C-alpha atoms as a PDB file:
ATOM      1  CA  MET A   1     -23.613  -6.176  -7.007  1.00  0.00           C
ATOM      2  CA  GLY A   2     -25.811  -9.026  -8.113  1.00  0.00           C
ATOM      3  CA  ILE A   3     -28.791 -10.590  -6.435  1.00  0.00           C
ATOM      4  CA  PHE A   4     -26.688 -13.378  -4.895  1.00  0.00           C
ATOM      5  CA  ASP A   5     -24.264 -10.824  -3.474  1.00  0.00           C
ATOM      6  CA  SER A   6     -27.196  -8.920  -1.979  1.00  0.00           C
ATOM      7  CA  ILE A   7     -28.545 -12.085  -0.370  1.00  0.00           C
ATOM      8  CA  ALA A   8     -25.100 -13.076   0.930  1.00  0.00           C
ATOM      9  CA  ARG A   9     -24.562  -9.603   2.363  1.00  0.00           C
ATOM     10  CA  GLY A  10     -27.978  -9.730   4.003  1.00  0.00           C
ATOM     11  CA  LEU A  11     -27.031 -12.998   5.675  1.00  0.00           C
ATOM     12  CA  GLY A  12     -23.796 -11.485   7.040  1.00  0.00           C
ATOM     13  CA  SER A  13     -21.250 -12.652   4.494  1.00  0.00           C
ATOM     14  CA  LEU A  14     -18.230 -10.417   3.911  1.00  0.00           C
ATOM     15  CA  ARG A  15     -17.344 -11.849   0.488  1.00  0.00           C
ATOM     16  CA  PRO A  16     -19.411  -9.390  -1.613  1.00  0.00           C
ATOM     17  CA  LEU A  17     -17.561  -6.393  -0.132  1.00  0.00           C
ATOM     18  CA  SER A  18     -14.706  -4.803  -2.032  1.00  0.00           C
ATOM     19  CA  VAL A  19     -11.338  -4.500  -0.308  1.00  0.00           C
ATOM     20  CA  ALA A  20     -11.860  -0.785   0.346  1.00  0.00           C
ATOM     21  CA  GLU A  21     -15.348  -1.366   1.791  1.00  0.00           C
ATOM     22  CA  LEU A  22     -14.015  -4.176   3.958  1.00  0.00           C
ATOM     23  CA  GLU A  23     -11.217  -1.979   5.328  1.00  0.00           C
ATOM     24  CA  ASP A  24     -13.585   0.941   5.955  1.00  0.00           C
ATOM     25  CA  GLU A  25     -16.144  -1.184   7.786  1.00  0.00           C
ATOM     26  CA  ARG A  26     -13.430  -2.882   9.820  1.00  0.00           C
ATOM     27  CA  GLU A  27     -12.006   0.476  10.889  1.00  0.00           C
ATOM     28  CA  ALA A  28     -15.462   1.710  11.944  1.00  0.00           C
ATOM     29  CA  LEU A  29     -15.950  -1.524  13.886  1.00  0.00           C
ATOM     30  CA  ARG A  30     -12.518  -1.174  15.525  1.00  0.00           C
ATOM     31  CA  GLN A  31     -13.352   2.351  16.661  1.00  0.00           C
ATOM     32  CA  ARG A  32     -16.642   1.164  18.161  1.00  0.00           C
ATOM     33  CA  TYR A  33     -14.725  -1.633  19.939  1.00  0.00           C
ATOM     34  CA  VAL A  34     -12.154   0.758  21.392  1.00  0.00           C
ATOM     35  CA  SER A  35     -14.782   3.211  22.629  1.00  0.00           C
ATOM     36  CA  SER A  36     -17.121   0.565  24.055  1.00  0.00           C
ATOM     37  CA  ASP A  37     -17.788   0.658  27.812  1.00  0.00           C
ATOM     38  CA  ASN A  38     -19.935  -2.479  27.917  1.00  0.00           C
ATOM     39  CA  VAL A  39     -17.942  -5.717  28.277  1.00  0.00           C
ATOM     40  CA  GLY A  40     -20.552  -7.835  26.489  1.00  0.00           C
ATOM     41  CA  GLU A  41     -20.712  -5.485  23.539  1.00  0.00           C
ATOM     42  CA  ALA A  42     -16.903  -5.295  23.404  1.00  0.00           C
ATOM     43  CA  SER A  43     -16.732  -9.087  23.325  1.00  0.00           C
ATOM     44  CA  ASN A  44     -19.166  -9.244  20.405  1.00  0.00           C
ATOM     45  CA  LEU A  45     -17.278  -6.516  18.556  1.00  0.00           C
ATOM     46  CA  TYR A  46     -13.991  -8.353  19.123  1.00  0.00           C
ATOM     47  CA  SER A  47     -15.468 -11.496  17.576  1.00  0.00           C
ATOM     48  CA  GLU A  48     -16.699  -9.458  14.622  1.00  0.00           C
ATOM     49  CA  LEU A  49     -13.246  -7.888  14.210  1.00  0.00           C
ATOM     50  CA  HIS A  50     -11.761 -11.381  14.112  1.00  0.00           C
ATOM     51  CA  ARG A  51     -14.214 -12.319  11.354  1.00  0.00           C
ATOM     52  CA  TYR A  52     -13.113  -9.309   9.296  1.00  0.00           C
ATOM     53  CA  ASP A  53      -9.453 -10.216   9.875  1.00  0.00           C
ATOM     54  CA  GLU A  54     -10.048 -13.785   8.684  1.00  0.00           C
ATOM     55  CA  GLU A  55     -11.705 -12.529   5.490  1.00  0.00           C
ATOM     56  CA  MET A  56      -8.855 -10.086   4.822  1.00  0.00           C
ATOM     57  CA  THR A  57      -6.288 -12.858   5.405  1.00  0.00           C
ATOM     58  CA  ARG A  58      -8.186 -15.216   3.082  1.00  0.00           C
ATOM     59  CA  ARG A  59      -8.190 -12.590   0.336  1.00  0.00           C
ATOM     60  CA  ALA A  60      -4.488 -11.857   0.832  1.00  0.00           C
ATOM     61  CA  ASN A  61      -3.656 -15.576   0.592  1.00  0.00           C
ATOM     62  CA  GLU A  62      -5.731 -15.956  -2.576  1.00  0.00           C
ATOM     63  CA  ALA A  63      -4.003 -12.939  -4.133  1.00  0.00           C
ATOM     64  CA  TYR A  64      -0.596 -14.368  -3.229  1.00  0.00           C
ATOM     65  CA  GLU A  65      -1.461 -17.727  -4.786  1.00  0.00           C
ATOM     66  CA  ARG A  66      -2.652 -15.989  -7.982  1.00  0.00           C
ATOM     67  CA  ASP A  67       0.492 -13.869  -8.190  1.00  0.00           C
ATOM     68  CA  ASN A  68       2.897 -16.721  -7.361  1.00  0.00           C
ATOM     69  CA  PRO A  69       1.519 -19.936  -8.865  1.00  0.00           C
ATOM     70  CA  ASP A  70       4.904 -21.690  -8.809  1.00  0.00           C
ATOM     71  CA  ALA A  71       5.744 -20.865  -5.210  1.00  0.00           C
ATOM     72  CA  THR A  72       6.197 -24.261  -3.606  1.00  0.00           C
ATOM     73  CA  THR A  73       8.193 -23.118  -0.589  1.00  0.00           C
ATOM     74  CA  ARG A  74       6.622 -20.920   2.010  1.00  0.00           C
ATOM     75  CA  HIS A  75       8.734 -19.558   4.804  1.00  0.00           C
ATOM     76  CA  ARG A  76       7.765 -20.390   8.324  1.00  0.00           C
ATOM     77  CA  GLU A  77       6.779 -17.766  10.849  1.00  0.00           C
ATOM     78  CA  HIS A  78      10.164 -17.642  12.579  1.00  0.00           C
ATOM     79  CA  GLY A  79      12.379 -18.090   9.544  1.00  0.00           C
ATOM     80  CA  TRP A  80      13.123 -20.522   6.792  1.00  0.00           C
ATOM     81  CA  TYR A  81      16.471 -21.519   8.307  1.00  0.00           C
ATOM     82  CA  LEU A  82      15.039 -23.088  11.452  1.00  0.00           C
ATOM     83  CA  PRO A  83      14.616 -26.864  11.613  1.00  0.00           C
ATOM     84  CA  ASN A  84      11.148 -28.416  11.544  1.00  0.00           C
ATOM     85  CA  ASP A  85      11.826 -30.801  14.444  1.00  0.00           C
ATOM     86  CA  ASP A  86      10.368 -28.852  17.330  1.00  0.00           C
END
């Protein structure tokens, strides 16, 4: 972990964390959220969980794009066979 990663981590960035560290910290945060009795604290923890989920989704999308550089068609949420005219 370099000096820039240390600074980023100190400022709250999740990018310097490895995938395993990210999953472990998210699970600890989820357990704190589930066991929380204070509504304000639970709200803050929920927002933090969402931040972890966004980072994990970003990493998964980047990995997919690296593994499939020629993938031009992405299937929609409810199926590729549905029309686009909603």
